[in-house]
Amino acid sequence: MNMLRMEKKIKQQWMSLWFVTIWSLWLVRNNIIFENSSFQLDEVMNLIYLHSWNILCARYSDFNYSYMEWVLHPSSCFS
C-alpha cells in the first residue's frame, strides 16, 4: 500500500472515531433528556470505545486489534 493511500485510510479511521464520538454523545444526551438518566463519563467512554472498535473492525479488514488493545492504546492502532 503506497504512502498516500495509507494516509487516506488513517484519516478515514480518525473520521470514523470522530463520528462515533459525536453519535455516542448524542445517544447519551437523548437518554438524559428522555429517560431522565444521569451523565456518567465512564459509560460514555465505554460506548465510544465499543462502537468505534465495532465499526473499525467491520469497515477495515486489516484492523486486527483486540478490544483491549483498542481501549489501552487507540492511537497506536491507526499506525
Protein backbone atom coordinates (compact mmCIF):
# COMPACT_ATOMS: atom_id res chain seq x y z
CA MET A 1 0.00 0.00 0.00
CA ASN A 2 1.51 3.31 -1.01
CA MET A 3 2.02 6.16 1.44
CA LEU A 4 -0.75 8.41 0.11
CA ARG A 5 -3.27 5.61 0.31
CA MET A 6 -2.13 4.80 3.84
CA GLU A 7 -2.56 8.43 4.92
CA LYS A 8 -6.06 8.50 3.44
CA LYS A 9 -7.01 5.33 5.29
CA ILE A 10 -5.69 6.66 8.61
CA LYS A 11 -7.61 9.89 8.06
CA GLN A 12 -10.79 7.90 7.37
CA GLN A 13 -10.26 5.90 10.55
CA TRP A 14 -9.86 9.07 12.61
CA MET A 15 -13.01 10.47 10.98
CA SER A 16 -14.85 7.29 11.94
CA LEU A 17 -13.74 7.78 15.51
CA TRP A 18 -14.96 11.40 15.40
CA PHE A 19 -18.35 10.30 14.05
CA VAL A 20 -18.74 7.61 16.72
CA THR A 21 -17.83 10.08 19.46
CA ILE A 22 -20.47 12.58 18.33
CA TRP A 23 -23.04 9.82 17.86
CA SER A 24 -22.36 8.38 21.33
CA LEU A 25 -22.68 11.81 22.93
CA TRP A 26 -25.98 12.25 21.10
CA LEU A 27 -27.27 8.92 22.45
CA VAL A 28 -26.26 9.87 25.99
CA ARG A 29 -27.89 13.28 25.57
CA ASN A 30 -31.13 11.61 24.48
CA ASN A 31 -31.03 9.28 27.47
CA ILE A 32 -30.56 12.23 29.81
CA ILE A 33 -33.44 14.18 28.26
CA PHE A 34 -35.95 11.43 27.52
CA GLU A 35 -35.16 8.76 30.09
CA ASN A 36 -34.09 11.03 32.93
CA SER A 37 -30.72 9.31 33.26
CA SER A 38 -27.57 10.98 34.51
CA PHE A 39 -24.29 11.72 32.79
CA GLN A 40 -21.58 9.16 33.59
CA LEU A 41 -18.27 9.85 31.89
CA ASP A 42 -17.04 6.26 32.18
CA GLU A 43 -20.21 4.98 30.48
CA VAL A 44 -19.78 7.49 27.66
CA MET A 45 -16.17 6.45 27.16
CA ASN A 46 -17.15 2.77 27.14
CA LEU A 47 -19.79 3.49 24.48
CA ILE A 48 -17.25 5.33 22.36
CA TYR A 49 -14.66 2.57 22.68
CA LEU A 50 -17.12 -0.22 21.93
CA HIS A 51 -18.90 1.44 19.00
CA SER A 52 -15.71 2.70 17.38
CA TRP A 53 -13.99 -0.68 17.73
CA ASN A 54 -17.00 -2.44 16.19
CA ILE A 55 -17.18 -0.01 13.26
CA LEU A 56 -13.44 -0.11 12.58
CA CYS A 57 -13.37 -3.93 12.71
CA ALA A 58 -16.32 -4.15 10.32
CA ARG A 59 -15.11 -1.49 7.91
CA TYR A 60 -11.39 -2.28 7.68
CA SER A 61 -10.37 -5.90 7.18
CA ASP A 62 -6.81 -5.19 8.30
CA PHE A 63 -7.91 -3.66 11.60
CA ASN A 64 -6.91 -6.72 13.63
CA TYR A 65 -6.66 -5.30 17.13
CA SER A 66 -8.34 -6.77 20.14
CA TYR A 67 -10.82 -4.68 22.09
CA MET A 68 -8.31 -4.42 24.95
CA GLU A 69 -5.57 -3.15 22.63
CA TRP A 70 -8.01 -0.57 21.32
CA VAL A 71 -9.03 0.60 24.79
CA LEU A 72 -5.47 0.79 26.11
CA HIS A 73 -3.75 2.35 23.07
CA PRO A 74 -6.24 3.56 20.44
CA SER A 75 -3.89 5.90 18.59
CA SER A 76 -1.29 3.17 18.09
CA CYS A 77 -3.94 1.07 16.33
CA PHE A 78 -4.02 3.64 13.49
CA SER A 79 -0.35 3.47 12.62
